[in-house]
Structure formats: structure tokens, C-alpha cells
PDB file of N, CA and C in Angstrom:
ATOM      1  N   LEU A   1      -1.724  45.793  37.788  1.00  0.00           N
ATOM      2  CA  LEU A   1      -2.121  44.757  38.731  1.00  0.00           C
ATOM      3  C   LEU A   1      -3.555  44.307  38.464  1.00  0.00           C
ATOM      4  N   LEU A   2      -4.421  45.257  38.119  1.00  0.00           N
ATOM      5  CA  LEU A   2      -5.808  44.906  37.816  1.00  0.00           C
ATOM      6  C   LEU A   2      -5.890  44.039  36.566  1.00  0.00           C
ATOM      7  N   HIS A   3      -5.084  44.382  35.553  1.00  0.00           N
ATOM      8  CA  HIS A   3      -5.097  43.606  34.316  1.00  0.00           C
ATOM      9  C   HIS A   3      -4.601  42.185  34.560  1.00  0.00           C
ATOM     10  N   ALA A   4      -3.598  42.041  35.405  1.00  0.00           N
ATOM     11  CA  ALA A   4      -3.089  40.703  35.712  1.00  0.00           C
ATOM     12  C   ALA A   4      -4.161  39.874  36.409  1.00  0.00           C
ATOM     13  N   GLY A   5      -4.915  40.490  37.306  1.00  0.00           N
ATOM     14  CA  GLY A   5      -5.997  39.775  37.984  1.00  0.00           C
ATOM     15  C   GLY A   5      -7.091  39.352  37.018  1.00  0.00           C
ATOM     16  N   ILE A   6      -7.410  40.228  36.068  1.00  0.00           N
ATOM     17  CA  ILE A   6      -8.428  39.891  35.066  1.00  0.00           C
ATOM     18  C   ILE A   6      -7.950  38.738  34.195  1.00  0.00           C
ATOM     19  N   ILE A   7      -6.697  38.781  33.793  1.00  0.00           N
ATOM     20  CA  ILE A   7      -6.144  37.713  32.960  1.00  0.00           C
ATOM     21  C   ILE A   7      -6.133  36.394  33.720  1.00  0.00           C
ATOM     22  N   ILE A   8      -5.709  36.417  34.969  1.00  0.00           N
ATOM     23  CA  ILE A   8      -5.691  35.195  35.779  1.00  0.00           C
ATOM     24  C   ILE A   8      -7.112  34.667  35.966  1.00  0.00           C
ATOM     25  N   GLY A   9      -8.068  35.562  36.194  1.00  0.00           N
ATOM     26  CA  GLY A   9      -9.462  35.146  36.328  1.00  0.00           C
ATOM     27  C   GLY A   9      -9.984  34.492  35.061  1.00  0.00           C
ATOM     28  N   CYS A  10      -9.661  35.073  33.911  1.00  0.00           N
ATOM     29  CA  CYS A  10     -10.089  34.492  32.636  1.00  0.00           C
ATOM     30  C   CYS A  10      -9.466  33.117  32.417  1.00  0.00           C
ATOM     31  N   ILE A  11      -8.195  32.984  32.758  1.00  0.00           N
ATOM     32  CA  ILE A  11      -7.524  31.692  32.614  1.00  0.00           C
ATOM     33  C   ILE A  11      -8.176  30.652  33.513  1.00  0.00           C
ATOM     34  N   LEU A  12      -8.514  31.036  34.737  1.00  0.00           N
ATOM     35  CA  LEU A  12      -9.173  30.097  35.647  1.00  0.00           C
ATOM     36  C   LEU A  12     -10.556  29.693  35.140  1.00  0.00           C
ATOM     37  N   ILE A  13     -11.297  30.635  34.584  1.00  0.00           N
ATOM     38  CA  ILE A  13     -12.620  30.314  34.032  1.00  0.00           C
ATOM     39  C   ILE A  13     -12.490  29.356  32.852  1.00  0.00           C
ATOM     40  N   ILE A  14     -11.515  29.597  31.985  1.00  0.00           N
ATOM     41  CA  ILE A  14     -11.296  28.712  30.842  1.00  0.00           C
ATOM     42  C   ILE A  14     -10.886  27.323  31.315  1.00  0.00           C
ATOM     43  N   CYS A  15     -10.018  27.252  32.330  1.00  0.00           N
ATOM     44  CA  CYS A  15      -9.615  25.955  32.882  1.00  0.00           C
ATOM     45  C   CYS A  15     -10.811  25.212  33.462  1.00  0.00           C
ATOM     46  N   LEU A  16     -11.689  25.917  34.147  1.00  0.00           N
ATOM     47  CA  LEU A  16     -12.883  25.296  34.710  1.00  0.00           C
ATOM     48  C   LEU A  16     -13.802  24.779  33.603  1.00  0.00           C
ATOM     49  N   MET A  17     -13.996  25.572  32.556  1.00  0.00           N
ATOM     50  CA  MET A  17     -14.840  25.133  31.444  1.00  0.00           C
ATOM     51  C   MET A  17     -14.243  23.914  30.750  1.00  0.00           C
ATOM     52  N   LEU A  18     -12.935  23.893  30.585  1.00  0.00           N
ATOM     53  CA  LEU A  18     -12.269  22.754  29.972  1.00  0.00           C
ATOM     54  C   LEU A  18     -12.410  21.515  30.838  1.00  0.00           C
ATOM     55  N   TRP A  19     -12.237  21.661  32.148  1.00  0.00           N
ATOM     56  CA  TRP A  19     -12.378  20.528  33.067  1.00  0.00           C
ATOM     57  C   TRP A  19     -13.796  19.958  33.011  1.00  0.00           C
ATOM     58  N   VAL A  20     -14.794  20.842  33.006  1.00  0.00           N
ATOM     59  CA  VAL A  20     -16.190  20.382  32.956  1.00  0.00           C
ATOM     60  C   VAL A  20     -16.462  19.654  31.645  1.00  0.00           C
ATOM     61  N   SER A  21     -15.983  20.209  30.531  1.00  0.00           N
ATOM     62  CA  SER A  21     -16.248  19.564  29.244  1.00  0.00           C
ATOM     63  C   SER A  21     -15.552  18.208  29.147  1.00  0.00           C
ATOM     64  N   LEU A  22     -14.340  18.100  29.663  1.00  0.00           N
ATOM     65  CA  LEU A  22     -13.658  16.807  29.642  1.00  0.00           C
ATOM     66  C   LEU A  22     -14.300  15.822  30.616  1.00  0.00           C
ATOM     67  N   ARG A  23     -14.782  16.323  31.726  1.00  0.00           N
ATOM     68  CA  ARG A  23     -15.442  15.472  32.722  1.00  0.00           C
ATOM     69  C   ARG A  23     -16.742  14.885  32.173  1.00  0.00           C
ATOM     70  N   LEU A  24     -17.455  15.673  31.366  1.00  0.00           N
ATOM     71  CA  LEU A  24     -18.740  15.232  30.824  1.00  0.00           C
ATOM     72  C   LEU A  24     -18.618  14.563  29.455  1.00  0.00           C
ATOM     73  N   ALA A  25     -17.401  14.398  28.942  1.00  0.00           N
ATOM     74  CA  ALA A  25     -17.224  13.840  27.601  1.00  0.00           C
ATOM     75  C   ALA A  25     -17.726  12.401  27.506  1.00  0.00           C
ATOM     76  N   SER A  26     -17.435  11.581  28.489  1.00  0.00           N
ATOM     77  CA  SER A  26     -17.877  10.183  28.438  1.00  0.00           C
ATOM     78  C   SER A  26     -19.392  10.046  28.500  1.00  0.00           C
ATOM     79  N   PRO A  27     -20.078  10.715  29.436  1.00  0.00           N
ATOM     80  CA  PRO A  27     -21.546  10.594  29.433  1.00  0.00           C
ATOM     81  C   PRO A  27     -22.198  11.141  28.157  1.00  0.00           C
ATOM     82  N   ILE A  28     -21.661  12.232  27.633  1.00  0.00           N
ATOM     83  CA  ILE A  28     -22.225  12.788  26.401  1.00  0.00           C
ATOM     84  C   ILE A  28     -21.976  11.833  25.239  1.00  0.00           C
ATOM     85  N   GLY A  29     -20.777  11.260  25.179  1.00  0.00           N
ATOM     86  CA  GLY A  29     -20.469  10.295  24.126  1.00  0.00           C
ATOM     87  C   GLY A  29     -21.341   9.055  24.210  1.00  0.00           C
ATOM     88  N   ALA A  30     -21.619   8.601  25.426  1.00  0.00           N
ATOM     89  CA  ALA A  30     -22.493   7.437  25.593  1.00  0.00           C
ATOM     90  C   ALA A  30     -23.916   7.760  25.167  1.00  0.00           C
ATOM     91  N   ARG A  31     -24.359   8.961  25.443  1.00  0.00           N
ATOM     92  CA  ARG A  31     -25.731   9.343  25.089  1.00  0.00           C
ATOM     93  C   ARG A  31     -25.883   9.538  23.580  1.00  0.00           C
ATOM     94  N   LEU A  32     -24.858  10.101  22.935  1.00  0.00           N
ATOM     95  CA  LEU A  32     -24.938  10.331  21.492  1.00  0.00           C
ATOM     96  C   LEU A  32     -24.855   9.032  20.701  1.00  0.00           C
ATOM     97  N   GLY A  33     -24.068   8.105  21.189  1.00  0.00           N
ATOM     98  CA  GLY A  33     -23.891   6.847  20.474  1.00  0.00           C
ATOM     99  C   GLY A  33     -22.874   6.981  19.353  1.00  0.00           C
ATOM    100  N   ARG A  34     -22.639   5.856  18.708  1.00  0.00           N
ATOM    101  CA  ARG A  34     -21.617   5.829  17.661  1.00  0.00           C
ATOM    102  C   ARG A  34     -22.014   6.693  16.462  1.00  0.00           C
ATOM    103  N   THR A  35     -23.268   6.625  16.063  1.00  0.00           N
ATOM    104  CA  THR A  35     -23.723   7.395  14.901  1.00  0.00           C
ATOM    105  C   THR A  35     -23.669   8.892  15.177  1.00  0.00           C
ATOM    106  N   GLY A  36     -24.104   9.299  16.357  1.00  0.00           N
ATOM    107  CA  GLY A  36     -24.064  10.714  16.710  1.00  0.00           C
ATOM    108  C   GLY A  36     -22.648  11.252  16.750  1.00  0.00           C
ATOM    109  N   LEU A  37     -21.729  10.451  17.275  1.00  0.00           N
ATOM    110  CA  LEU A  37     -20.329  10.880  17.310  1.00  0.00           C
ATOM    111  C   LEU A  37     -19.744  10.978  15.906  1.00  0.00           C
ATOM    112  N   ASN A  38     -20.128  10.051  15.023  1.00  0.00           N
ATOM    113  CA  ASN A  38     -19.654  10.133  13.637  1.00  0.00           C
ATOM    114  C   ASN A  38     -20.187  11.382  12.941  1.00  0.00           C
ATOM    115  N   ILE A  39     -21.449  11.717  13.196  1.00  0.00           N
ATOM    116  CA  ILE A  39     -22.029  12.928  12.607  1.00  0.00           C
ATOM    117  C   ILE A  39     -21.298  14.171  13.112  1.00  0.00           C
ATOM    118  N   LEU A  40     -21.068  14.243  14.428  1.00  0.00           N
ATOM    119  CA  LEU A  40     -20.340  15.390  14.987  1.00  0.00           C
ATOM    120  C   LEU A  40     -18.918  15.463  14.447  1.00  0.00           C
ATOM    121  N   ASN A  41     -18.287  14.307  14.289  1.00  0.00           N
ATOM    122  CA  ASN A  41     -16.929  14.263  13.760  1.00  0.00           C
ATOM    123  C   ASN A  41     -16.886  14.855  12.355  1.00  0.00           C
ATOM    124  N   ARG A  42     -17.849  14.497  11.525  1.00  0.00           N
ATOM    125  CA  ARG A  42     -17.881  15.027  10.158  1.00  0.00           C
ATOM    126  C   ARG A  42     -18.208  16.517  10.137  1.00  0.00           C
ATOM    127  N   LEU A  43     -19.129  16.945  10.989  1.00  0.00           N
ATOM    128  CA  LEU A  43     -19.476  18.367  11.034  1.00  0.00           C
ATOM    129  C   LEU A  43     -18.297  19.220  11.476  1.00  0.00           C
ATOM    130  N   PHE A  44     -17.587  18.783  12.516  1.00  0.00           N
ATOM    131  CA  PHE A  44     -16.441  19.558  12.980  1.00  0.00           C
ATOM    132  C   PHE A  44     -15.295  19.499  11.976  1.00  0.00           C
ATOM    133  N   GLY A  45     -15.164  18.394  11.252  1.00  0.00           N
ATOM    134  CA  GLY A  45     -14.172  18.324  10.182  1.00  0.00           C
ATOM    135  C   GLY A  45     -14.474  19.316   9.073  1.00  0.00           C
ATOM    136  N   LEU A  46     -15.756  19.435   8.726  1.00  0.00           N
ATOM    137  CA  LEU A  46     -16.171  20.404   7.713  1.00  0.00           C
ATOM    138  C   LEU A  46     -15.914  21.830   8.188  1.00  0.00           C
ATOM    139  N   LEU A  47     -16.210  22.101   9.452  1.00  0.00           N
ATOM    140  CA  LEU A  47     -15.948  23.424  10.022  1.00  0.00           C
ATOM    141  C   LEU A  47     -14.453  23.744   9.997  1.00  0.00           C
ATOM    142  N   LEU A  48     -13.629  22.779  10.348  1.00  0.00           N
ATOM    143  CA  LEU A  48     -12.182  22.981  10.333  1.00  0.00           C
ATOM    144  C   LEU A  48     -11.678  23.231   8.916  1.00  0.00           C
ATOM    145  N   ALA A  49     -12.221  22.506   7.939  1.00  0.00           N
ATOM    146  CA  ALA A  49     -11.824  22.714   6.544  1.00  0.00           C
ATOM    147  C   ALA A  49     -12.226  24.107   6.061  1.00  0.00           C
ATOM    148  N   ALA A  50     -13.400  24.587   6.475  1.00  0.00           N
ATOM    149  CA  ALA A  50     -13.840  25.929   6.080  1.00  0.00           C
ATOM    150  C   ALA A  50     -12.938  27.000   6.682  1.00  0.00           C
ATOM    151  N   ILE A  51     -12.550  26.822   7.943  1.00  0.00           N
ATOM    152  CA  ILE A  51     -11.640  27.781   8.583  1.00  0.00           C
ATOM    153  C   ILE A  51     -10.287  27.768   7.880  1.00  0.00           C
ATOM    154  N   ALA A  52      -9.799  26.570   7.535  1.00  0.00           N
ATOM    155  CA  ALA A  52      -8.510  26.466   6.845  1.00  0.00           C
ATOM    156  C   ALA A  52      -8.570  27.142   5.475  1.00  0.00           C
ATOM    157  N   ALA A  53      -9.672  26.962   4.755  1.00  0.00           N
ATOM    158  CA  ALA A  53      -9.813  27.601   3.442  1.00  0.00           C
ATOM    159  C   ALA A  53      -9.841  29.120   3.578  1.00  0.00           C
ATOM    160  N   GLN A  54     -10.497  29.626   4.616  1.00  0.00           N
ATOM    161  CA  GLN A  54     -10.549  31.075   4.836  1.00  0.00           C
ATOM    162  C   GLN A  54      -9.162  31.628   5.160  1.00  0.00           C
ATOM    163  N   ILE A  55      -8.412  30.927   5.995  1.00  0.00           N
ATOM    164  CA  ILE A  55      -7.052  31.371   6.336  1.00  0.00           C
ATOM    165  C   ILE A  55      -6.164  31.344   5.094  1.00  0.00           C
ATOM    166  N   LEU A  56      -6.294  30.286   4.286  1.00  0.00           N
ATOM    167  CA  LEU A  56      -5.509  30.181   3.059  1.00  0.00           C
ATOM    168  C   LEU A  56      -5.857  31.311   2.092  1.00  0.00           C
ATOM    169  N   ALA A  57      -7.141  31.596   1.934  1.00  0.00           N
ATOM    170  CA  ALA A  57      -7.565  32.672   1.035  1.00  0.00           C
ATOM    171  C   ALA A  57      -7.054  34.023   1.522  1.00  0.00           C
ATOM    172  N   SER A  58      -7.123  34.268   2.819  1.00  0.00           N
ATOM    173  CA  SER A  58      -6.616  35.534   3.364  1.00  0.00           C
ATOM    174  C   SER A  58      -5.114  35.657   3.146  1.00  0.00           C
ATOM    175  N   GLY A  59      -4.397  34.564   3.329  1.00  0.00           N
ATOM    176  CA  GLY A  59      -2.958  34.583   3.110  1.00  0.00           C
ATOM    177  C   GLY A  59      -2.597  34.834   1.660  1.00  0.00           C
ATOM    178  N   LEU A  60      -3.331  34.206   0.747  1.00  0.00           N
ATOM    179  CA  LEU A  60      -3.063  34.418  -0.674  1.00  0.00           C
ATOM    180  C   LEU A  60      -3.384  35.842  -1.101  1.00  0.00           C
ATOM    181  N   LEU A  61      -4.462  36.417  -0.555  1.00  0.00           N
ATOM    182  CA  LEU A  61      -4.786  37.806  -0.885  1.00  0.00           C
ATOM    183  C   LEU A  61      -3.733  38.762  -0.340  1.00  0.00           C
ATOM    184  N   GLY A  62      -3.157  38.440   0.807  1.00  0.00           N
ATOM    185  CA  GLY A  62      -2.087  39.274   1.343  1.00  0.00           C
ATOM    186  C   GLY A  62      -0.804  39.142   0.538  1.00  0.00           C
ATOM    187  N   LEU A  63      -0.565  37.930   0.032  1.00  0.00           N
ATOM    188  CA  LEU A  63       0.653  37.673  -0.734  1.00  0.00           C
ATOM    189  C   LEU A  63       0.544  38.220  -2.158  1.00  0.00           C
ATOM    190  N   PHE A  64      -0.629  38.078  -2.756  1.00  0.00           N
ATOM    191  CA  PHE A  64      -0.867  38.550  -4.120  1.00  0.00           C
ATOM    192  C   PHE A  64      -2.012  39.561  -4.108  1.00  0.00           C
ATOM    193  N   PRO A  65      -1.726  40.840  -3.899  1.00  0.00           N
ATOM    194  CA  PRO A  65      -2.793  41.842  -3.818  1.00  0.00           C
ATOM    195  C   PRO A  65      -3.578  41.994  -5.121  1.00  0.00           C
ATOM    196  N   GLY A  66      -3.026  41.557  -6.227  1.00  0.00           N
ATOM    197  CA  GLY A  66      -3.719  41.670  -7.504  1.00  0.00           C
ATOM    198  C   GLY A  66      -4.894  40.716  -7.636  1.00  0.00           C
ATOM    199  N   LEU A  67      -5.046  39.770  -6.729  1.00  0.00           N
ATOM    200  CA  LEU A  67      -6.152  38.812  -6.795  1.00  0.00           C
ATOM    201  C   LEU A  67      -7.483  39.425  -6.400  1.00  0.00           C
ATOM    202  N   ARG A  68      -7.442  40.579  -5.768  1.00  0.00           N
ATOM    203  CA  ARG A  68      -8.700  41.208  -5.334  1.00  0.00           C
ATOM    204  C   ARG A  68      -9.403  41.690  -6.499  1.00  0.00           C
TER     205      ARG A  68
END
């Protein structure tokens, strides 16, 4: 019962953080401007590509242990 309460509490905190971030998205976007949003878009794209490369490398090492 305690674990269920902790999980529900964590879910509620995450929902609140998501609501706040979505609520503030328009003012933040207006303040950053078009150039700032383009810069953030490229940075997050690069971060996503790095994560994808790491997952791919881990998968290949698991599939082909001789690559180590």
C-alpha cells in the first residue's frame, strides 16, 4: 500500500511538471524567438541522435560480442 501511494505521488508530480511546462511553452517560445527555437531544435536533435547512436552501439555489442 505504501509503494502504491509513492507511485501515485510520483505520477501526480510528473503530471504537474508536464502541465506547468506545457502552460509556459508559449511565453517561453515568444521570449526565445524564432532563432532561439531553431537553435534549441538543433541541439535537441543532436542529443536525440547521440542517444540513438548509443542505443544502437549497445545493441550491436550485445548481438555481436566479438566487437568488444
